[in-house]
Amino acid sequence: MPAEPAHDQAEIQRVRRPQVWCYRGIPIYRRDARGDLVLFKDRGRTLAEMGFDERTLPGELYVLRRDKLSAIAEVQAGLNGRMLAAAAVGDHQRVKLILTQIVEETFADPRAGNLEALGQTVKGLVEVYAGTGAALQRMALMTSKDYSTAVHSVNVAALVMGFCLFQKRPQAEVINLGLAALLHDLGKLFIDGGVLTAQRRLTSDEFAQIKAHPTRGLEALAGGDFPAEVALAVAQHHEKIDGSGYPLGLTYFSEAGQLVGLVDCYEALTSDERVYRPPMTPLDTLKLLKGDMAAGKFDRALFEQFAYSLV
């Protein structure tokens, strides 16, 4: 295939391997023996349709940065289809794996347009799992190889959607709260990774960065068309009804913020392993959160309803 005119390294972006099979309308490039960028796949067909598989695919492939938004949209659509196919046959482990890939791809370029598209992902999940919310909650307990912001977000979303389905809430409400849960930690994408993964207690300056992530997340939503629950959960999921939370120390705030905040705490305590604190069992976690509820940090009725949904 012909060589492309020289591209600056800043104009191209390496394609992540699992996503490359989703591209149909996006040209894909590789480098030849001289290091020149050459067209590898034109628009209008997939690599699978061209006869490639994992064994015959070259090592490094690229897309142009100007095509990145369209590329993410194609990946989201392609992975959505695979995820729903896995859900239809009850392969919940694969559903979680693909959902995490969708979130990782979206979080790699967290612009409002990309984030909005996650609404269709959540809608598809809610429709498939409408009668089996418990399956979503069990999915959150399935272990993942690497615990990341994306994995945590998927777990929180699965628990929130499972809880809402258990309560037989209207589908639109389940979708909105599920998307809110999926995006609640959006602001952490703008914090240094070393701070997020530190296997030690944070310094005061580092904790100040962490405390700013709800505000950073809210800023990232600006200009997008999101349900109100999304902005509320992003901004308020670390508030506590006794005023001890952050960033504003609110004592009265939305149910979306309260629900996602409660589930966020539950998931982090049961899943996130740190040197100074191993993961807790679900029962021990509920006992700890019950103490926080008794101390006035969480709403009693909401805590009891959530705990009951896990039984």
Protein backbone atom coordinates (compact mmCIF):
# COMPACT_ATOMS: atom_id res chain seq x y z
CA MET A 1 0.00 0.00 0.00
CA PRO A 2 1.24 3.55 -0.66
CA ALA A 3 3.11 5.47 1.96
CA GLU A 4 1.33 8.38 3.56
CA PRO A 5 2.89 11.82 3.68
CA ALA A 6 5.07 12.13 6.77
CA HIS A 7 3.02 12.55 9.92
CA ASP A 8 4.25 14.11 13.11
CA GLN A 9 4.13 11.66 16.02
CA ALA A 10 1.59 13.96 17.67
CA GLU A 11 -0.80 13.39 14.73
CA ILE A 12 -1.09 9.63 15.19
CA GLN A 13 -2.17 7.42 18.06
CA ARG A 14 -1.42 3.77 18.66
CA VAL A 15 -4.46 1.50 18.61
CA ARG A 16 -5.11 -0.74 21.60
CA ARG A 17 -5.18 -4.37 20.48
CA PRO A 18 -8.64 -5.54 21.64
CA GLN A 19 -10.33 -2.52 20.03
CA VAL A 20 -8.77 -2.79 16.57
CA TRP A 21 -11.32 -5.38 15.44
CA CYS A 22 -14.17 -2.90 15.87
CA TYR A 23 -12.96 -0.41 13.25
CA ARG A 24 -14.89 -0.34 9.97
CA GLY A 25 -15.12 3.31 8.96
CA ILE A 26 -11.71 4.30 10.33
CA PRO A 27 -8.47 3.95 8.31
CA ILE A 28 -5.70 2.07 10.14
CA TYR A 29 -1.99 2.59 9.51
CA ARG A 30 1.26 0.75 10.19
CA ARG A 31 4.93 1.55 9.69
CA ASP A 32 6.94 -0.11 6.95
CA ALA A 33 10.57 -1.25 7.18
CA ARG A 34 11.78 2.32 6.62
CA GLY A 35 9.52 3.70 9.33
CA ASP A 36 7.14 5.40 6.93
CA LEU A 37 3.46 5.43 7.81
CA VAL A 38 1.48 3.34 5.30
CA LEU A 39 -2.22 2.65 4.96
CA PHE A 40 -3.01 -0.82 6.30
CA LYS A 41 -6.83 -0.79 6.23
CA ASP A 42 -9.02 1.63 4.32
CA ARG A 43 -12.52 2.73 5.29
CA GLY A 44 -15.50 0.43 4.78
CA ARG A 45 -14.36 -2.97 6.05
CA THR A 46 -13.04 -4.62 9.18
CA LEU A 47 -9.76 -6.44 9.65
CA ALA A 48 -11.65 -9.69 10.12
CA GLU A 49 -13.37 -9.18 6.77
CA MET A 50 -9.91 -8.70 5.24
CA GLY A 51 -8.92 -12.14 6.55
CA PHE A 52 -6.70 -11.10 9.45
CA ASP A 53 -6.64 -12.74 12.87
CA GLU A 54 -4.46 -12.35 15.97
CA ARG A 55 -1.70 -14.47 14.42
CA THR A 56 -1.42 -12.46 11.20
CA LEU A 57 -1.92 -8.93 12.54
CA PRO A 58 1.18 -6.67 12.63
CA GLY A 59 2.52 -5.60 16.00
CA GLU A 60 1.74 -1.89 16.12
CA LEU A 61 -1.16 -0.16 14.36
CA TYR A 62 -2.20 3.49 14.39
CA VAL A 63 -5.10 5.83 13.68
CA LEU A 64 -4.87 9.53 12.96
CA ARG A 65 -5.76 11.70 15.94
CA ARG A 66 -8.28 13.58 13.82
CA ASP A 67 -10.19 10.29 13.55
CA LYS A 68 -10.03 9.55 17.28
CA LEU A 69 -13.58 10.61 18.20
CA SER A 70 -15.05 8.55 15.36
CA ALA A 71 -12.79 5.65 16.33
CA ILE A 72 -14.01 5.70 19.93
CA ALA A 73 -17.62 5.76 18.74
CA GLU A 74 -16.98 2.68 16.58
CA VAL A 75 -15.30 0.88 19.46
CA GLN A 76 -18.16 1.71 21.81
CA ALA A 77 -20.74 0.44 19.31
CA GLY A 78 -18.78 -2.72 18.50
CA LEU A 79 -18.10 -3.60 22.13
CA ASN A 80 -21.71 -2.84 23.07
CA GLY A 81 -22.84 -5.51 20.62
CA ARG A 82 -20.38 -8.07 22.00
CA MET A 83 -21.31 -7.24 25.58
CA LEU A 84 -25.04 -7.66 24.97
CA ALA A 85 -24.44 -10.94 23.12
CA ALA A 86 -22.54 -12.23 26.17
CA ALA A 87 -25.32 -11.03 28.48
CA ALA A 88 -27.93 -12.82 26.39
CA VAL A 89 -26.23 -16.18 27.04
CA GLY A 90 -25.55 -15.46 30.72
CA ASP A 91 -21.77 -15.03 30.43
CA HIS A 92 -21.57 -12.39 33.16
CA GLN A 93 -17.78 -12.57 33.49
CA ARG A 94 -17.40 -11.65 29.82
CA VAL A 95 -20.01 -8.91 30.19
CA LYS A 96 -17.91 -7.34 32.94
CA LEU A 97 -14.70 -7.71 30.92
CA ILE A 98 -16.18 -6.01 27.85
CA LEU A 99 -17.92 -3.31 29.88
CA THR A 100 -14.59 -2.51 31.52
CA GLN A 101 -12.99 -2.27 28.07
CA ILE A 102 -15.73 0.15 26.95
CA VAL A 103 -15.16 2.33 30.00
CA GLU A 104 -11.36 2.23 29.61
CA GLU A 105 -11.63 3.26 25.95
CA THR A 106 -13.99 6.11 26.83
CA PHE A 107 -11.92 7.28 29.80
CA ALA A 108 -8.83 7.42 27.55
CA ASP A 109 -10.40 10.51 25.94
CA PRO A 110 -13.01 11.77 28.43
CA ARG A 111 -14.66 14.45 26.32
CA ALA A 112 -18.37 15.06 26.80
CA GLY A 113 -19.35 13.48 23.47
CA ASN A 114 -17.55 10.23 24.31
CA LEU A 115 -18.97 10.16 27.84
CA GLU A 116 -22.54 10.70 26.61
CA ALA A 117 -22.30 7.56 24.48
CA LEU A 118 -21.99 5.45 27.64
CA GLY A 119 -25.71 6.11 28.13
CA GLN A 120 -26.46 3.63 25.33
CA THR A 121 -24.20 1.07 26.98
CA VAL A 122 -26.07 1.39 30.28
CA LYS A 123 -29.45 1.33 28.52
CA GLY A 124 -28.59 -1.95 26.83
CA LEU A 125 -27.49 -3.51 30.12
CA VAL A 126 -30.63 -2.43 31.95
CA GLU A 127 -32.83 -3.86 29.21
CA VAL A 128 -31.04 -7.23 29.26
CA TYR A 129 -30.89 -7.53 33.05
CA ALA A 130 -34.31 -5.99 33.78
CA GLY A 131 -35.62 -9.15 35.45
CA THR A 132 -32.37 -10.25 37.08
CA GLY A 133 -30.88 -7.37 39.03
CA ALA A 134 -29.16 -9.84 41.36
CA ALA A 135 -27.01 -11.00 38.44
CA LEU A 136 -25.66 -7.47 38.09
CA GLN A 137 -24.80 -7.34 41.78
CA ARG A 138 -23.03 -10.71 41.53
CA MET A 139 -21.11 -9.41 38.53
CA ALA A 140 -19.67 -6.66 40.73
CA LEU A 141 -18.17 -9.32 43.01
CA MET A 142 -16.32 -11.07 40.18
CA THR A 143 -12.62 -10.36 40.57
CA SER A 144 -10.63 -8.47 37.96
CA LYS A 145 -6.93 -8.86 37.23
CA ASP A 146 -6.17 -5.17 37.73
CA TYR A 147 -8.15 -2.90 40.04
CA SER A 148 -8.46 0.47 38.33
CA THR A 149 -10.80 3.46 38.21
CA ALA A 150 -12.57 1.77 35.30
CA VAL A 151 -13.05 -1.51 37.19
CA HIS A 152 -14.24 0.33 40.30
CA SER A 153 -16.68 2.38 38.21
CA VAL A 154 -18.07 -0.76 36.55
CA ASN A 155 -18.52 -2.44 39.94
CA VAL A 156 -20.30 0.57 41.44
CA ALA A 157 -22.56 0.87 38.40
CA ALA A 158 -23.45 -2.84 38.54
CA LEU A 159 -24.31 -2.58 42.24
CA VAL A 160 -26.38 0.58 41.76
CA MET A 161 -28.30 -0.84 38.80
CA GLY A 162 -28.86 -4.12 40.62
CA PHE A 163 -30.19 -2.25 43.65
CA CYS A 164 -32.53 -0.13 41.51
CA LEU A 165 -33.83 -3.19 39.65
CA PHE A 166 -34.35 -4.95 42.99
CA GLN A 167 -36.50 -1.99 44.01
CA LYS A 168 -38.39 -2.17 40.69
CA ARG A 169 -37.67 1.45 39.90
CA PRO A 170 -38.71 2.81 36.47
CA GLN A 171 -36.31 1.84 33.70
CA ALA A 172 -35.40 5.45 32.88
CA GLU A 173 -34.40 6.02 36.50
CA VAL A 174 -32.28 2.86 36.55
CA ILE A 175 -30.50 3.97 33.38
CA ASN A 176 -29.82 7.48 34.70
CA LEU A 177 -28.51 6.25 38.05
CA GLY A 178 -26.45 3.54 36.33
CA LEU A 179 -24.79 6.14 34.13
CA ALA A 180 -24.28 8.37 37.16
CA ALA A 181 -22.52 5.52 38.96
CA LEU A 182 -20.39 4.70 35.92
CA LEU A 183 -19.14 8.30 35.71
CA HIS A 184 -19.00 9.17 39.43
CA ASP A 185 -15.18 9.05 39.62
CA LEU A 186 -14.62 10.85 36.33
CA GLY A 187 -12.54 13.50 38.11
CA LYS A 188 -9.91 10.91 39.09
CA LEU A 189 -8.84 10.77 35.44
CA PHE A 190 -7.25 14.18 35.98
CA ILE A 191 -5.23 13.17 39.06
CA ASP A 192 -1.67 11.86 38.85
CA GLY A 193 -1.79 8.06 38.63
CA GLY A 194 0.90 7.72 41.26
CA VAL A 195 -1.37 9.39 43.79
CA LEU A 196 -4.30 7.10 42.95
CA THR A 197 -2.26 3.90 43.22
CA ALA A 198 -0.04 4.84 46.16
CA GLN A 199 0.32 1.85 48.48
CA ARG A 200 0.71 4.09 51.52
CA ARG A 201 -1.17 6.78 53.33
CA LEU A 202 -1.39 9.96 51.29
CA THR A 203 0.26 13.24 52.21
CA SER A 204 -1.96 16.23 52.95
CA ASP A 205 -1.23 17.70 49.50
CA GLU A 206 -2.05 14.40 47.78
CA PHE A 207 -5.28 14.05 49.73
CA ALA A 208 -6.19 17.60 48.67
CA GLN A 209 -5.88 16.42 45.06
CA ILE A 210 -8.17 13.48 45.81
CA LYS A 211 -10.71 15.76 47.50
CA ALA A 212 -10.81 17.92 44.38
CA HIS A 213 -11.86 15.07 42.07
CA PRO A 214 -15.64 15.64 42.39
CA THR A 215 -15.15 19.22 41.22
CA ARG A 216 -12.82 18.13 38.40
CA GLY A 217 -15.38 15.56 37.30
CA LEU A 218 -18.15 18.13 37.23
CA GLU A 219 -15.99 20.38 35.07
CA ALA A 220 -15.43 17.51 32.62
CA LEU A 221 -19.19 17.14 32.14
CA ALA A 222 -19.53 20.77 31.02
CA GLY A 223 -21.07 21.10 27.58
CA GLY A 224 -22.48 17.58 27.56
CA ASP A 225 -26.11 16.49 27.59
CA PHE A 226 -26.37 14.34 30.72
CA PRO A 227 -29.26 13.44 33.03
CA ALA A 228 -29.32 15.53 36.21
CA GLU A 229 -28.43 12.44 38.27
CA VAL A 230 -25.00 12.27 36.61
CA ALA A 231 -23.87 15.75 37.65
CA LEU A 232 -25.33 15.29 41.13
CA ALA A 233 -23.56 11.96 41.71
CA VAL A 234 -20.25 13.23 40.33
CA ALA A 235 -20.37 16.34 42.53
CA GLN A 236 -21.85 14.83 45.72
CA HIS A 237 -20.75 11.19 46.08
CA HIS A 238 -18.27 12.07 48.85
CA GLU A 239 -20.66 14.26 50.83
CA LYS A 240 -22.10 12.88 54.10
CA ILE A 241 -25.42 13.91 55.63
CA ASP A 242 -23.71 14.89 58.90
CA GLY A 243 -21.65 17.48 56.99
CA SER A 244 -18.35 15.62 57.34
CA GLY A 245 -17.94 14.91 53.62
CA TYR A 246 -16.31 16.84 50.79
CA PRO A 247 -15.93 19.01 48.78
CA LEU A 248 -18.66 21.27 50.25
CA GLY A 249 -19.59 19.65 53.58
CA LEU A 250 -23.26 19.43 52.60
CA THR A 251 -25.90 18.08 55.01
CA TYR A 252 -28.75 18.00 52.51
CA PHE A 253 -28.14 16.70 48.99
CA SER A 254 -29.58 14.48 46.26
CA GLU A 255 -30.55 10.82 46.46
CA ALA A 256 -28.26 10.19 43.48
CA GLY A 257 -25.32 11.56 45.46
CA GLN A 258 -26.30 9.60 48.57
CA LEU A 259 -26.86 6.28 46.77
CA VAL A 260 -23.72 6.40 44.64
CA GLY A 261 -21.72 7.57 47.66
CA LEU A 262 -22.91 4.66 49.81
CA VAL A 263 -22.25 2.09 47.09
CA ASP A 264 -18.89 3.70 46.30
CA CYS A 265 -17.80 3.15 49.92
CA TYR A 266 -19.11 -0.42 49.96
CA GLU A 267 -17.35 -1.36 46.72
CA ALA A 268 -14.04 0.25 47.66
CA LEU A 269 -13.93 -1.50 51.04
CA THR A 270 -14.73 -4.92 49.56
CA SER A 271 -12.51 -4.69 46.47
CA ASP A 272 -9.65 -2.21 46.79
CA GLU A 273 -6.59 -3.82 48.38
CA ARG A 274 -4.04 -1.53 50.00
CA VAL A 275 -0.89 -2.28 51.98
CA TYR A 276 -2.43 -0.73 55.07
CA ARG A 277 -5.91 -2.21 54.52
CA PRO A 278 -6.81 -5.53 52.90
CA PRO A 279 -10.25 -5.94 51.27
CA MET A 280 -13.07 -6.63 53.72
CA THR A 281 -15.79 -9.25 53.43
CA PRO A 282 -19.23 -7.98 52.38
CA LEU A 283 -20.61 -8.72 55.85
CA ASP A 284 -17.81 -6.90 57.67
CA THR A 285 -18.18 -3.99 55.25
CA LEU A 286 -21.90 -3.70 55.98
CA LYS A 287 -21.15 -3.78 59.72
CA LEU A 288 -18.65 -0.93 59.31
CA LEU A 289 -21.05 1.11 57.17
CA LYS A 290 -23.84 0.43 59.66
CA GLY A 291 -21.66 2.12 62.27
CA ASP A 292 -21.20 5.09 59.94
CA MET A 293 -24.96 5.18 59.40
CA ALA A 294 -25.56 5.15 63.16
CA ALA A 295 -23.07 8.02 63.47
CA GLY A 296 -25.16 10.03 61.02
CA LYS A 297 -23.07 9.78 57.86
CA PHE A 298 -25.58 7.78 55.76
CA ASP A 299 -29.37 7.85 55.57
CA ARG A 300 -30.80 4.97 57.62
CA ALA A 301 -33.56 3.98 55.20
CA LEU A 302 -31.21 4.01 52.20
CA PHE A 303 -28.57 1.95 54.00
CA GLU A 304 -31.10 -0.64 55.16
CA GLN A 305 -32.63 -0.94 51.69
CA PHE A 306 -29.21 -1.39 50.08
CA ALA A 307 -28.11 -3.98 52.66
CA TYR A 308 -31.38 -5.88 52.21
CA SER A 309 -30.88 -5.97 48.43
CA LEU A 310 -27.57 -7.79 48.90
CA VAL A 311 -29.01 -10.61 51.00
